[in-house]
Amino acid sequence: MGQMIVHQKELIRINTPKNCIEYSTNDGRIWHKRANASSSMGSLQDLADNGKEILLTTSKGLFYSTNKGSSWHKRS
């Protein structure tokens, strides 16, 4: 896994200092914040695209998103 992925024609990355998810639609020239990590998520670590969803590993477990990282749900 990595801290930046390509998902549905967007670059999506973890901004580690800000502990948030950002996206770019212009090959990384400009980045926009998509979601902040909640306290229940802990620190963001890695991203992976598995087709229908994005996976995110954090210091508090595995989370998934089906809406390009706008919201996250803990994988049980």
PDB file of N, CA and C in Angstrom:
ATOM      1  N   MET A   1       0.833  -1.182   0.000  1.00  0.00           N
ATOM      2  CA  MET A   1       0.000   0.000   0.000  1.00  0.00           C
ATOM      3  C   MET A   1       0.877   1.245   0.000  1.00  0.00           C
ATOM      4  N   GLY A   2       0.297   2.372  -0.337  1.00  0.00           N
ATOM      5  CA  GLY A   2       1.048   3.615  -0.363  1.00  0.00           C
ATOM      6  C   GLY A   2       0.247   4.773   0.171  1.00  0.00           C
ATOM      7  N   GLN A   3       0.887   5.909   0.267  1.00  0.00           N
ATOM      8  CA  GLN A   3       0.214   7.085   0.787  1.00  0.00           C
ATOM      9  C   GLN A   3      -0.459   7.899  -0.313  1.00  0.00           C
ATOM     10  N   MET A   4      -0.346   7.463  -1.575  1.00  0.00           N
ATOM     11  CA  MET A   4      -1.045   8.118  -2.667  1.00  0.00           C
ATOM     12  C   MET A   4      -1.476   7.058  -3.674  1.00  0.00           C
ATOM     13  N   ILE A   5      -2.727   7.168  -4.143  1.00  0.00           N
ATOM     14  CA  ILE A   5      -3.255   6.222  -5.120  1.00  0.00           C
ATOM     15  C   ILE A   5      -3.965   6.990  -6.241  1.00  0.00           C
ATOM     16  N   VAL A   6      -4.201   6.292  -7.348  1.00  0.00           N
ATOM     17  CA  VAL A   6      -5.055   6.810  -8.417  1.00  0.00           C
ATOM     18  C   VAL A   6      -6.371   6.053  -8.291  1.00  0.00           C
ATOM     19  N   HIS A   7      -7.468   6.802  -8.203  1.00  0.00           N
ATOM     20  CA  HIS A   7      -8.791   6.190  -8.063  1.00  0.00           C
ATOM     21  C   HIS A   7      -9.787   6.998  -8.880  1.00  0.00           C
ATOM     22  N   GLN A   8     -10.391   6.362  -9.872  1.00  0.00           N
ATOM     23  CA  GLN A   8     -11.390   7.000 -10.732  1.00  0.00           C
ATOM     24  C   GLN A   8     -10.926   8.374 -11.243  1.00  0.00           C
ATOM     25  N   LYS A   9      -9.772   8.402 -11.855  1.00  0.00           N
ATOM     26  CA  LYS A   9      -9.194   9.596 -12.495  1.00  0.00           C
ATOM     27  C   LYS A   9      -8.806  10.705 -11.512  1.00  0.00           C
ATOM     28  N   GLU A  10      -8.679  10.384 -10.239  1.00  0.00           N
ATOM     29  CA  GLU A  10      -8.192  11.341  -9.241  1.00  0.00           C
ATOM     30  C   GLU A  10      -6.957  10.768  -8.558  1.00  0.00           C
ATOM     31  N   LEU A  11      -6.056  11.638  -8.164  1.00  0.00           N
ATOM     32  CA  LEU A  11      -5.005  11.256  -7.234  1.00  0.00           C
ATOM     33  C   LEU A  11      -5.565  11.493  -5.841  1.00  0.00           C
ATOM     34  N   ILE A  12      -5.407  10.527  -4.966  1.00  0.00           N
ATOM     35  CA  ILE A  12      -5.868  10.646  -3.589  1.00  0.00           C
ATOM     36  C   ILE A  12      -4.673  10.337  -2.701  1.00  0.00           C
ATOM     37  N   ARG A  13      -4.440  11.213  -1.705  1.00  0.00           N
ATOM     38  CA  ARG A  13      -3.268  11.018  -0.853  1.00  0.00           C
ATOM     39  C   ARG A  13      -3.600  11.299   0.604  1.00  0.00           C
ATOM     40  N   ILE A  14      -2.693  10.818   1.451  1.00  0.00           N
ATOM     41  CA  ILE A  14      -2.723  11.141   2.868  1.00  0.00           C
ATOM     42  C   ILE A  14      -1.793  12.325   3.079  1.00  0.00           C
ATOM     43  N   ASN A  15      -2.292  13.378   3.702  1.00  0.00           N
ATOM     44  CA  ASN A  15      -1.450  14.486   4.137  1.00  0.00           C
ATOM     45  C   ASN A  15      -1.123  14.174   5.592  1.00  0.00           C
ATOM     46  N   THR A  16       0.044  13.606   5.828  1.00  0.00           N
ATOM     47  CA  THR A  16       0.413  13.123   7.154  1.00  0.00           C
ATOM     48  C   THR A  16       0.474  14.237   8.205  1.00  0.00           C
ATOM     49  N   PRO A  17       1.109  15.389   7.940  1.00  0.00           N
ATOM     50  CA  PRO A  17       1.143  16.427   8.978  1.00  0.00           C
ATOM     51  C   PRO A  17      -0.250  16.914   9.401  1.00  0.00           C
ATOM     52  N   LYS A  18      -1.184  16.958   8.455  1.00  0.00           N
ATOM     53  CA  LYS A  18      -2.546  17.428   8.762  1.00  0.00           C
ATOM     54  C   LYS A  18      -3.498  16.283   9.101  1.00  0.00           C
ATOM     55  N   ASN A  19      -3.045  15.024   8.942  1.00  0.00           N
ATOM     56  CA  ASN A  19      -3.837  13.824   9.206  1.00  0.00           C
ATOM     57  C   ASN A  19      -5.189  13.888   8.490  1.00  0.00           C
ATOM     58  N   CYS A  20      -5.117  14.139   7.168  1.00  0.00           N
ATOM     59  CA  CYS A  20      -6.339  14.244   6.372  1.00  0.00           C
ATOM     60  C   CYS A  20      -6.133  13.591   5.007  1.00  0.00           C
ATOM     61  N   ILE A  21      -7.250  13.409   4.296  1.00  0.00           N
ATOM     62  CA  ILE A  21      -7.241  12.882   2.938  1.00  0.00           C
ATOM     63  C   ILE A  21      -7.406  14.060   1.978  1.00  0.00           C
ATOM     64  N   GLU A  22      -6.572  14.103   0.943  1.00  0.00           N
ATOM     65  CA  GLU A  22      -6.646  15.148  -0.062  1.00  0.00           C
ATOM     66  C   GLU A  22      -6.761  14.501  -1.443  1.00  0.00           C
ATOM     67  N   TYR A  23      -7.257  15.288  -2.419  1.00  0.00           N
ATOM     68  CA  TYR A  23      -7.375  14.783  -3.785  1.00  0.00           C
ATOM     69  C   TYR A  23      -6.958  15.846  -4.787  1.00  0.00           C
ATOM     70  N   SER A  24      -6.566  15.381  -5.966  1.00  0.00           N
ATOM     71  CA  SER A  24      -6.188  16.260  -7.061  1.00  0.00           C
ATOM     72  C   SER A  24      -6.797  15.725  -8.346  1.00  0.00           C
ATOM     73  N   THR A  25      -7.312  16.634  -9.161  1.00  0.00           N
ATOM     74  CA  THR A  25      -7.855  16.253 -10.466  1.00  0.00           C
ATOM     75  C   THR A  25      -6.980  16.775 -11.604  1.00  0.00           C
ATOM     76  N   ASN A  26      -5.817  17.357 -11.247  1.00  0.00           N
ATOM     77  CA  ASN A  26      -4.927  17.916 -12.275  1.00  0.00           C
ATOM     78  C   ASN A  26      -3.497  17.410 -12.095  1.00  0.00           C
ATOM     79  N   ASP A  27      -3.368  16.115 -11.892  1.00  0.00           N
ATOM     80  CA  ASP A  27      -2.064  15.454 -11.786  1.00  0.00           C
ATOM     81  C   ASP A  27      -1.199  15.970 -10.649  1.00  0.00           C
ATOM     82  N   GLY A  28      -1.827  16.398  -9.552  1.00  0.00           N
ATOM     83  CA  GLY A  28      -1.079  16.791  -8.367  1.00  0.00           C
ATOM     84  C   GLY A  28      -0.613  18.231  -8.331  1.00  0.00           C
ATOM     85  N   ARG A  29      -1.017  19.038  -9.289  1.00  0.00           N
ATOM     86  CA  ARG A  29      -0.611  20.449  -9.255  1.00  0.00           C
ATOM     87  C   ARG A  29      -1.321  21.210  -8.141  1.00  0.00           C
ATOM     88  N   ILE A  30      -2.606  20.906  -7.909  1.00  0.00           N
ATOM     89  CA  ILE A  30      -3.372  21.541  -6.838  1.00  0.00           C
ATOM     90  C   ILE A  30      -4.073  20.437  -6.045  1.00  0.00           C
ATOM     91  N   TRP A  31      -4.004  20.538  -4.710  1.00  0.00           N
ATOM     92  CA  TRP A  31      -4.618  19.551  -3.824  1.00  0.00           C
ATOM     93  C   TRP A  31      -5.750  20.201  -3.039  1.00  0.00           C
ATOM     94  N   HIS A  32      -6.834  19.425  -2.822  1.00  0.00           N
ATOM     95  CA  HIS A  32      -8.001  19.873  -2.075  1.00  0.00           C
ATOM     96  C   HIS A  32      -8.266  18.882  -0.943  1.00  0.00           C
ATOM     97  N   LYS A  33      -8.666  19.389   0.219  1.00  0.00           N
ATOM     98  CA  LYS A  33      -8.976  18.514   1.343  1.00  0.00           C
ATOM     99  C   LYS A  33     -10.311  17.833   1.099  1.00  0.00           C
ATOM    100  N   ARG A  34     -10.356  16.523   1.306  1.00  0.00           N
ATOM    101  CA  ARG A  34     -11.595  15.771   1.146  1.00  0.00           C
ATOM    102  C   ARG A  34     -12.159  15.358   2.497  1.00  0.00           C
ATOM    103  N   ALA A  35     -11.313  14.937   3.427  1.00  0.00           N
ATOM    104  CA  ALA A  35     -11.815  14.465   4.720  1.00  0.00           C
ATOM    105  C   ALA A  35     -10.725  14.562   5.777  1.00  0.00           C
ATOM    106  N   ASN A  36     -11.122  14.975   6.977  1.00  0.00           N
ATOM    107  CA  ASN A  36     -10.230  14.941   8.139  1.00  0.00           C
ATOM    108  C   ASN A  36     -10.388  13.599   8.827  1.00  0.00           C
ATOM    109  N   ALA A  37      -9.339  13.135   9.445  1.00  0.00           N
ATOM    110  CA  ALA A  37      -9.426  11.903  10.227  1.00  0.00           C
ATOM    111  C   ALA A  37     -10.139  12.216  11.537  1.00  0.00           C
ATOM    112  N   SER A  38     -11.072  11.373  11.910  1.00  0.00           N
ATOM    113  CA  SER A  38     -11.739  11.539  13.205  1.00  0.00           C
ATOM    114  C   SER A  38     -10.844  10.950  14.292  1.00  0.00           C
ATOM    115  N   SER A  39     -11.124  11.300  15.531  1.00  0.00           N
ATOM    116  CA  SER A  39     -10.307  10.785  16.633  1.00  0.00           C
ATOM    117  C   SER A  39     -10.414   9.272  16.735  1.00  0.00           C
ATOM    118  N   SER A  40     -11.525   8.687  16.283  1.00  0.00           N
ATOM    119  CA  SER A  40     -11.682   7.232  16.348  1.00  0.00           C
ATOM    120  C   SER A  40     -10.826   6.510  15.304  1.00  0.00           C
ATOM    121  N   MET A  41     -10.303   7.266  14.311  1.00  0.00           N
ATOM    122  CA  MET A  41      -9.475   6.661  13.269  1.00  0.00           C
ATOM    123  C   MET A  41      -7.998   6.627  13.645  1.00  0.00           C
ATOM    124  N   GLY A  42      -7.547   7.535  14.481  1.00  0.00           N
ATOM    125  CA  GLY A  42      -6.128   7.606  14.808  1.00  0.00           C
ATOM    126  C   GLY A  42      -5.349   8.239  13.669  1.00  0.00           C
ATOM    127  N   SER A  43      -4.071   7.938  13.589  1.00  0.00           N
ATOM    128  CA  SER A  43      -3.240   8.523  12.533  1.00  0.00           C
ATOM    129  C   SER A  43      -3.349   7.686  11.258  1.00  0.00           C
ATOM    130  N   LEU A  44      -3.444   8.394  10.119  1.00  0.00           N
ATOM    131  CA  LEU A  44      -3.596   7.745   8.821  1.00  0.00           C
ATOM    132  C   LEU A  44      -2.246   7.217   8.361  1.00  0.00           C
ATOM    133  N   GLN A  45      -2.243   6.004   7.777  1.00  0.00           N
ATOM    134  CA  GLN A  45      -0.978   5.379   7.404  1.00  0.00           C
ATOM    135  C   GLN A  45      -0.875   5.063   5.917  1.00  0.00           C
ATOM    136  N   ASP A  46      -1.765   4.228   5.367  1.00  0.00           N
ATOM    137  CA  ASP A  46      -1.640   3.775   3.983  1.00  0.00           C
ATOM    138  C   ASP A  46      -2.991   3.699   3.291  1.00  0.00           C
ATOM    139  N   LEU A  47      -2.968   3.845   1.969  1.00  0.00           N
ATOM    140  CA  LEU A  47      -4.158   3.754   1.123  1.00  0.00           C
ATOM    141  C   LEU A  47      -3.993   2.638   0.107  1.00  0.00           C
ATOM    142  N   ALA A  48      -5.117   2.038  -0.286  1.00  0.00           N
ATOM    143  CA  ALA A  48      -5.124   1.064  -1.381  1.00  0.00           C
ATOM    144  C   ALA A  48      -6.466   1.141  -2.085  1.00  0.00           C
ATOM    145  N   ASP A  49      -6.448   0.950  -3.396  1.00  0.00           N
ATOM    146  CA  ASP A  49      -7.665   0.931  -4.202  1.00  0.00           C
ATOM    147  C   ASP A  49      -7.962  -0.522  -4.532  1.00  0.00           C
ATOM    148  N   ASN A  50      -9.133  -1.017  -4.128  1.00  0.00           N
ATOM    149  CA  ASN A  50      -9.472  -2.395  -4.484  1.00  0.00           C
ATOM    150  C   ASN A  50     -10.634  -2.447  -5.478  1.00  0.00           C
ATOM    151  N   GLY A  51     -10.813  -1.369  -6.246  1.00  0.00           N
ATOM    152  CA  GLY A  51     -11.831  -1.349  -7.287  1.00  0.00           C
ATOM    153  C   GLY A  51     -13.084  -0.610  -6.872  1.00  0.00           C
ATOM    154  N   LYS A  52     -13.914  -1.235  -6.047  1.00  0.00           N
ATOM    155  CA  LYS A  52     -15.176  -0.621  -5.640  1.00  0.00           C
ATOM    156  C   LYS A  52     -15.039   0.293  -4.438  1.00  0.00           C
ATOM    157  N   GLU A  53     -13.936   0.182  -3.710  1.00  0.00           N
ATOM    158  CA  GLU A  53     -13.749   0.995  -2.511  1.00  0.00           C
ATOM    159  C   GLU A  53     -12.278   1.311  -2.307  1.00  0.00           C
ATOM    160  N   ILE A  54     -12.037   2.286  -1.457  1.00  0.00           N
ATOM    161  CA  ILE A  54     -10.673   2.623  -1.061  1.00  0.00           C
ATOM    162  C   ILE A  54     -10.470   2.087   0.348  1.00  0.00           C
ATOM    163  N   LEU A  55      -9.334   1.469   0.574  1.00  0.00           N
ATOM    164  CA  LEU A  55      -8.982   0.973   1.903  1.00  0.00           C
ATOM    165  C   LEU A  55      -7.967   1.904   2.530  1.00  0.00           C
ATOM    166  N   LEU A  56      -8.074   2.085   3.831  1.00  0.00           N
ATOM    167  CA  LEU A  56      -7.188   2.970   4.586  1.00  0.00           C
ATOM    168  C   LEU A  56      -6.763   2.276   5.863  1.00  0.00           C
ATOM    169  N   THR A  57      -5.473   2.100   6.043  1.00  0.00           N
ATOM    170  CA  THR A  57      -4.990   1.583   7.322  1.00  0.00           C
ATOM    171  C   THR A  57      -4.623   2.775   8.194  1.00  0.00           C
ATOM    172  N   THR A  58      -4.955   2.642   9.468  1.00  0.00           N
ATOM    173  CA  THR A  58      -4.676   3.697  10.440  1.00  0.00           C
ATOM    174  C   THR A  58      -4.083   3.058  11.693  1.00  0.00           C
ATOM    175  N   SER A  59      -3.730   3.894  12.644  1.00  0.00           N
ATOM    176  CA  SER A  59      -3.203   3.365  13.906  1.00  0.00           C
ATOM    177  C   SER A  59      -4.292   2.659  14.706  1.00  0.00           C
ATOM    178  N   LYS A  60      -5.558   2.785  14.285  1.00  0.00           N
ATOM    179  CA  LYS A  60      -6.663   2.151  15.009  1.00  0.00           C
ATOM    180  C   LYS A  60      -7.422   1.138  14.167  1.00  0.00           C
ATOM    181  N   GLY A  61      -6.842   0.677  13.063  1.00  0.00           N
ATOM    182  CA  GLY A  61      -7.474  -0.380  12.294  1.00  0.00           C
ATOM    183  C   GLY A  61      -7.631  -0.085  10.820  1.00  0.00           C
ATOM    184  N   LEU A  62      -8.478  -0.883  10.180  1.00  0.00           N
ATOM    185  CA  LEU A  62      -8.724  -0.802   8.742  1.00  0.00           C
ATOM    186  C   LEU A  62     -10.078  -0.140   8.490  1.00  0.00           C
ATOM    187  N   PHE A  63     -10.088   0.845   7.592  1.00  0.00           N
ATOM    188  CA  PHE A  63     -11.308   1.570   7.242  1.00  0.00           C
ATOM    189  C   PHE A  63     -11.509   1.474   5.735  1.00  0.00           C
ATOM    190  N   TYR A  64     -12.761   1.673   5.282  1.00  0.00           N
ATOM    191  CA  TYR A  64     -13.044   1.658   3.854  1.00  0.00           C
ATOM    192  C   TYR A  64     -13.969   2.819   3.493  1.00  0.00           C
ATOM    193  N   SER A  65     -13.900   3.228   2.233  1.00  0.00           N
ATOM    194  CA  SER A  65     -14.745   4.293   1.710  1.00  0.00           C
ATOM    195  C   SER A  65     -15.274   3.878   0.346  1.00  0.00           C
ATOM    196  N   THR A  66     -16.543   4.140   0.109  1.00  0.00           N
ATOM    197  CA  THR A  66     -17.144   3.871  -1.197  1.00  0.00           C
ATOM    198  C   THR A  66     -17.466   5.165  -1.941  1.00  0.00           C
ATOM    199  N   ASN A  67     -17.030   6.308  -1.382  1.00  0.00           N
ATOM    200  CA  ASN A  67     -17.316   7.603  -2.009  1.00  0.00           C
ATOM    201  C   ASN A  67     -16.050   8.455  -2.148  1.00  0.00           C
ATOM    202  N   LYS A  68     -15.002   7.837  -2.664  1.00  0.00           N
ATOM    203  CA  LYS A  68     -13.729   8.503  -2.963  1.00  0.00           C
ATOM    204  C   LYS A  68     -13.047   9.106  -1.731  1.00  0.00           C
ATOM    205  N   GLY A  69     -13.365   8.590  -0.552  1.00  0.00           N
ATOM    206  CA  GLY A  69     -12.702   9.056   0.658  1.00  0.00           C
ATOM    207  C   GLY A  69     -13.395  10.184   1.384  1.00  0.00           C
ATOM    208  N   SER A  70     -14.625  10.525   0.994  1.00  0.00           N
ATOM    209  CA  SER A  70     -15.363  11.577   1.698  1.00  0.00           C
ATOM    210  C   SER A  70     -15.795  11.124   3.090  1.00  0.00           C
ATOM    211  N   SER A  71     -16.162   9.850   3.225  1.00  0.00           N
ATOM    212  CA  SER A  71     -16.494   9.306   4.540  1.00  0.00           C
ATOM    213  C   SER A  71     -15.879   7.912   4.656  1.00  0.00           C
ATOM    214  N   TRP A  72     -15.597   7.523   5.899  1.00  0.00           N
ATOM    215  CA  TRP A  72     -14.889   6.270   6.171  1.00  0.00           C
ATOM    216  C   TRP A  72     -15.655   5.452   7.192  1.00  0.00           C
ATOM    217  N   HIS A  73     -15.585   4.108   7.038  1.00  0.00           N
ATOM    218  CA  HIS A  73     -16.259   3.179   7.927  1.00  0.00           C
ATOM    219  C   HIS A  73     -15.244   2.118   8.361  1.00  0.00           C
ATOM    220  N   LYS A  74     -15.293   1.779   9.631  1.00  0.00           N
ATOM    221  CA  LYS A  74     -14.353   0.778  10.153  1.00  0.00           C
ATOM    222  C   LYS A  74     -14.742  -0.599   9.650  1.00  0.00           C
ATOM    223  N   ARG A  75     -13.756  -1.336   9.151  1.00  0.00           N
ATOM    224  CA  ARG A  75     -13.965  -2.713   8.685  1.00  0.00           C
ATOM    225  C   ARG A  75     -13.934  -3.619   9.905  1.00  0.00           C
ATOM    226  N   SER A  76     -15.015  -4.390  10.085  1.00  0.00           N
ATOM    227  CA  SER A  76     -15.025  -5.277  11.251  1.00  0.00           C
ATOM    228  C   SER A  76     -14.598  -6.663  10.921  1.00  0.00           C
TER     229      SER A  76
END
